[in-house]
């Protein structure tokens, strides 16, 4: 790039934008898709809820920055996040009142996050995506974008494995899909279609819930991201 011709710096100086890393961490709680938020302790937006994020230090990869920030601000270890992917780079010039900030944003899926309180954490909590508080920056837009990505991803991959317990019933599987897609699915068609993908296998265990007949428990054949030959959508 010819910095001398950069439109924002006609005097010939070059000031790079600030690089930050934000994380959208999803988990299913009581059959609702929830996202991890923190309450900011500094300006701007002090006291407002936001996605866990922070500066990317020189010599640090964005993924290492993500791990450091989640540990410091949420008490969350990366080993508790079963699926992580880089979501998008948000670079709208006016997204941060302090100046031009570029956010490399990651999406993560977890089953059972442990939010530890430490001297550096910022009141981490999980909120239903359908009942979010007012968020700082453009984080509401980022959560919506991540939700859309997740909704699409579960129709052609086994990504939902990272949100379910290792063993689950077909009803729990369908309920998880409905929570993310935000619509009801036909039980018979859902089961026929999903079982045809050969992504899950029956166990020798059963789930007992009250007076109902015990339900067979299944597990995913692979506890890692896999794209089936035929899409579920």
Protein backbone atom coordinates (compact mmCIF):
# COMPACT_ATOMS: atom_id res chain seq x y z
CA UNK A 1 0.00 0.00 0.00
CA UNK A 2 1.18 3.50 -0.77
CA UNK A 3 0.78 5.16 2.63
CA UNK A 4 1.47 8.56 1.11
CA UNK A 5 -1.74 8.26 -0.88
CA UNK A 6 -3.86 6.98 2.00
CA UNK A 7 -6.96 9.25 1.97
CA UNK A 8 -7.10 9.58 5.75
CA UNK A 9 -3.50 10.72 6.08
CA UNK A 10 -2.79 13.39 3.51
CA UNK A 11 0.19 14.65 5.51
CA UNK A 12 2.06 11.44 4.73
CA UNK A 13 1.80 9.80 8.16
CA UNK A 14 0.31 6.36 8.59
CA UNK A 15 -1.76 5.32 11.60
CA UNK A 16 -2.95 1.72 11.47
CA UNK A 17 -6.36 0.85 12.90
CA UNK A 18 -6.56 -0.81 16.29
CA UNK A 19 -6.80 -4.60 16.10
CA UNK A 20 -9.15 -6.29 18.55
CA UNK A 21 -10.46 -9.82 19.06
CA UNK A 22 -14.05 -10.55 20.09
CA UNK A 23 -15.72 -13.87 20.83
CA UNK A 24 -19.30 -15.06 20.35
CA UNK A 25 -19.60 -18.14 22.57
CA UNK A 26 -22.89 -20.02 22.32
CA UNK A 27 -24.36 -22.59 24.68
CA UNK A 28 -27.80 -24.18 25.01
CA UNK A 29 -29.43 -23.49 28.38
CA UNK A 30 -32.92 -24.81 29.16
CA UNK A 31 -33.52 -25.36 25.45
CA UNK A 32 -32.58 -21.79 24.56
CA UNK A 33 -29.57 -20.64 22.59
CA UNK A 34 -27.52 -18.41 24.90
CA UNK A 35 -24.45 -16.23 24.39
CA UNK A 36 -21.64 -15.28 26.77
CA UNK A 37 -21.47 -11.59 27.72
CA UNK A 38 -19.45 -9.43 30.10
CA UNK A 39 -20.28 -6.13 31.80
CA UNK A 40 -17.67 -3.59 30.76
CA UNK A 41 -15.63 -2.03 33.56
CA UNK A 42 -14.01 0.77 31.53
CA UNK A 43 -15.03 3.42 29.04
CA UNK A 44 -16.39 3.52 26.47
CA UNK A 45 -19.69 1.86 27.39
CA UNK A 46 -18.70 1.31 30.99
CA UNK A 47 -21.40 -0.71 32.76
CA UNK A 48 -22.86 -1.95 29.46
CA UNK A 49 -23.00 -5.57 28.38
CA UNK A 50 -20.70 -6.66 25.58
CA UNK A 51 -19.08 -9.64 23.96
CA UNK A 52 -15.80 -10.61 25.63
CA UNK A 53 -13.08 -8.86 23.66
CA UNK A 54 -9.88 -6.90 23.87
CA UNK A 55 -6.75 -5.73 22.09
CA UNK A 56 -4.59 -8.05 20.04
CA UNK A 57 -1.04 -7.53 21.28
CA UNK A 58 1.95 -7.40 18.95
CA UNK A 59 3.47 -10.84 18.42
CA UNK A 60 0.24 -12.57 19.45
CA UNK A 61 -2.02 -14.52 17.10
CA UNK A 62 -5.71 -13.67 17.17
CA UNK A 63 -6.51 -17.14 18.50
CA UNK A 64 -4.03 -16.71 21.37
CA UNK A 65 -5.56 -13.30 22.07
CA UNK A 66 -8.99 -14.94 22.20
CA UNK A 67 -7.74 -17.49 24.75
CA UNK A 68 -6.10 -14.81 26.90
CA UNK A 69 -9.16 -12.54 26.86
CA UNK A 70 -11.66 -15.31 27.66
CA UNK A 71 -9.50 -16.50 30.56
CA UNK A 72 -9.00 -13.00 31.96
CA UNK A 73 -12.50 -11.55 31.47
CA UNK A 74 -14.67 -14.66 31.81
CA UNK A 75 -12.60 -17.26 33.62
CA UNK A 76 -13.22 -19.54 30.63
CA UNK A 77 -10.66 -22.02 29.35
CA UNK A 78 -10.41 -22.76 25.63
CA UNK A 79 -10.61 -26.48 26.39
CA UNK A 80 -14.24 -25.92 27.44
CA UNK A 81 -15.11 -24.64 23.96
CA UNK A 82 -15.59 -27.68 21.77
CA UNK A 83 -15.79 -25.96 18.40
CA UNK A 84 -14.12 -22.69 17.41
CA UNK A 85 -14.05 -20.96 14.04
CA UNK A 86 -13.17 -17.50 12.84
CA UNK A 87 -16.49 -15.82 12.17
CA UNK A 88 -15.77 -12.56 10.37
CA UNK A 89 -13.65 -9.41 10.41
CA UNK A 90 -15.77 -6.40 11.31
CA UNK A 91 -14.11 -3.21 10.10
CA UNK A 92 -16.78 -0.50 9.95
CA UNK A 93 -14.84 2.70 10.56
CA UNK A 94 -17.28 4.13 13.12
CA UNK A 95 -17.83 1.00 15.21
CA UNK A 96 -15.65 2.25 18.10
CA UNK A 97 -15.98 5.84 19.43
CA UNK A 98 -12.24 5.89 20.23
CA UNK A 99 -11.28 5.52 16.58
CA UNK A 100 -11.00 3.01 13.77
CA UNK A 101 -10.94 -0.48 15.31
CA UNK A 102 -10.94 -3.73 13.36
CA UNK A 103 -12.41 -6.74 15.16
CA UNK A 104 -11.41 -10.28 14.25
CA UNK A 105 -14.36 -12.19 15.70
CA UNK A 106 -14.52 -15.86 16.59
CA UNK A 107 -17.55 -18.08 17.16
CA UNK A 108 -17.36 -20.88 19.71
CA UNK A 109 -19.76 -23.62 20.83
CA UNK A 110 -19.78 -25.09 24.32
CA UNK A 111 -21.77 -27.60 26.35
CA UNK A 112 -21.05 -26.69 29.94
CA UNK A 113 -19.07 -23.53 30.47
CA UNK A 114 -17.56 -22.89 33.87
CA UNK A 115 -17.45 -19.14 34.51
CA UNK A 116 -14.83 -18.58 37.19
CA UNK A 117 -14.71 -15.33 39.15
CA UNK A 118 -11.22 -13.86 39.43
CA UNK A 119 -9.69 -10.44 40.05
CA UNK A 120 -9.88 -9.66 36.33
CA UNK A 121 -13.24 -11.11 35.29
CA UNK A 122 -16.04 -8.74 34.30
CA UNK A 123 -19.22 -10.38 35.62
CA UNK A 124 -19.51 -12.97 32.82
CA UNK A 125 -23.04 -14.28 32.26
CA UNK A 126 -24.95 -16.24 29.65
CA UNK A 127 -28.01 -14.57 28.11
CA UNK A 128 -30.66 -15.98 25.82
CA UNK A 129 -30.16 -14.60 22.30
CA UNK A 130 -33.88 -13.81 22.33
CA UNK A 131 -33.62 -11.69 25.46
CA UNK A 132 -30.39 -9.74 25.22
CA UNK A 133 -29.71 -6.52 27.13
CA UNK A 134 -28.65 -3.46 25.16
CA UNK A 135 -25.15 -4.22 23.93
CA UNK A 136 -22.10 -1.98 23.48
CA UNK A 137 -20.51 -1.17 20.13
CA UNK A 138 -21.99 -3.14 17.22
CA UNK A 139 -22.15 -6.32 19.27
CA UNK A 140 -25.89 -6.85 18.80
CA UNK A 141 -25.26 -7.01 15.04
CA UNK A 142 -22.36 -9.40 15.58
CA UNK A 143 -24.49 -11.75 17.70
CA UNK A 144 -27.18 -11.74 15.00
CA UNK A 145 -24.59 -12.49 12.34
CA UNK A 146 -23.14 -15.34 14.40
CA UNK A 147 -26.61 -16.77 15.03
CA UNK A 148 -27.28 -16.74 11.29
CA UNK A 149 -23.96 -18.47 10.63
CA UNK A 150 -24.72 -21.13 13.23
CA UNK A 151 -28.23 -21.68 11.85
CA UNK A 152 -26.75 -22.29 8.42
CA UNK A 153 -23.86 -24.42 9.67
CA UNK A 154 -26.02 -26.97 11.48
CA UNK A 155 -27.86 -27.72 8.21
CA UNK A 156 -24.79 -29.08 6.45
CA UNK A 157 -22.39 -30.16 9.23
CA UNK A 158 -22.51 -31.96 12.57
CA UNK A 159 -21.57 -28.74 14.41
CA UNK A 160 -24.46 -29.17 16.83
CA UNK A 161 -22.47 -31.94 18.56
CA UNK A 162 -20.59 -29.20 20.44
CA UNK A 163 -23.80 -27.91 22.03
CA UNK A 164 -25.25 -31.26 23.11
CA UNK A 165 -24.19 -33.61 25.89
CA UNK A 166 -22.17 -36.59 24.68
CA UNK A 167 -25.26 -38.81 24.97
CA UNK A 168 -28.67 -37.47 23.97
CA UNK A 169 -32.10 -38.55 22.82
CA UNK A 170 -33.51 -37.84 19.37
CA UNK A 171 -35.98 -35.50 21.06
CA UNK A 172 -33.13 -33.53 22.65
CA UNK A 173 -31.41 -33.37 19.26
CA UNK A 174 -34.53 -32.03 17.57
CA UNK A 175 -35.13 -29.54 20.40
CA UNK A 176 -31.59 -28.21 19.95
CA UNK A 177 -32.19 -27.70 16.23
CA UNK A 178 -35.48 -25.94 16.91
CA UNK A 179 -33.83 -23.64 19.47
CA UNK A 180 -31.21 -22.53 16.96
CA UNK A 181 -33.43 -22.38 13.86
CA UNK A 182 -36.25 -20.77 15.88
CA UNK A 183 -38.95 -22.88 14.28
CA UNK A 184 -40.71 -26.19 14.87
CA UNK A 185 -39.67 -29.25 12.87
CA UNK A 186 -41.79 -32.22 11.92
CA UNK A 187 -40.74 -35.07 14.21
CA UNK A 188 -41.04 -37.89 11.71
CA UNK A 189 -39.30 -36.08 8.84
CA UNK A 190 -36.55 -34.79 11.13
CA UNK A 191 -35.67 -38.23 12.46
CA UNK A 192 -35.82 -39.94 9.08
CA UNK A 193 -33.62 -37.31 7.47
CA UNK A 194 -31.07 -37.07 10.30
CA UNK A 195 -30.68 -40.80 10.77
CA UNK A 196 -30.06 -41.17 7.02
CA UNK A 197 -26.91 -39.02 7.36
CA UNK A 198 -25.12 -41.62 9.52
CA UNK A 199 -23.75 -38.91 11.82
CA UNK A 200 -24.97 -40.51 15.05
CA UNK A 201 -24.98 -44.01 16.49
CA UNK A 202 -27.25 -45.62 19.05
CA UNK A 203 -25.79 -46.52 22.43
CA UNK A 204 -26.88 -49.24 24.86
CA UNK A 205 -28.14 -46.61 27.31
CA UNK A 206 -31.58 -45.13 27.90
CA UNK A 207 -32.91 -41.85 29.25
CA UNK A 208 -35.73 -42.06 31.80
CA UNK A 209 -37.92 -39.00 32.36
CA UNK A 210 -40.75 -39.48 34.82
CA UNK A 211 -43.53 -41.82 33.74
CA UNK A 212 -42.58 -41.68 30.06
CA UNK A 213 -41.11 -44.70 28.33
CA UNK A 214 -37.29 -44.69 28.46
CA UNK A 215 -35.74 -43.16 25.33
CA UNK A 216 -32.70 -44.58 23.58
CA UNK A 217 -29.57 -42.46 23.86
CA UNK A 218 -27.40 -41.63 20.86
CA UNK A 219 -23.99 -40.09 20.39
CA UNK A 220 -22.21 -38.47 17.45
CA UNK A 221 -19.81 -40.76 15.62
CA UNK A 222 -17.25 -37.95 15.58
CA UNK A 223 -16.63 -35.36 18.28
CA UNK A 224 -15.16 -33.00 15.73
CA UNK A 225 -16.50 -30.98 12.82
CA UNK A 226 -17.62 -33.09 9.90
CA UNK A 227 -19.44 -32.15 6.71
CA UNK A 228 -21.75 -34.96 5.52
CA UNK A 229 -22.12 -35.82 1.86
CA UNK A 230 -25.74 -34.77 1.90
CA UNK A 231 -26.93 -31.60 3.60
CA UNK A 232 -29.59 -31.74 6.29
CA UNK A 233 -31.27 -28.53 5.16
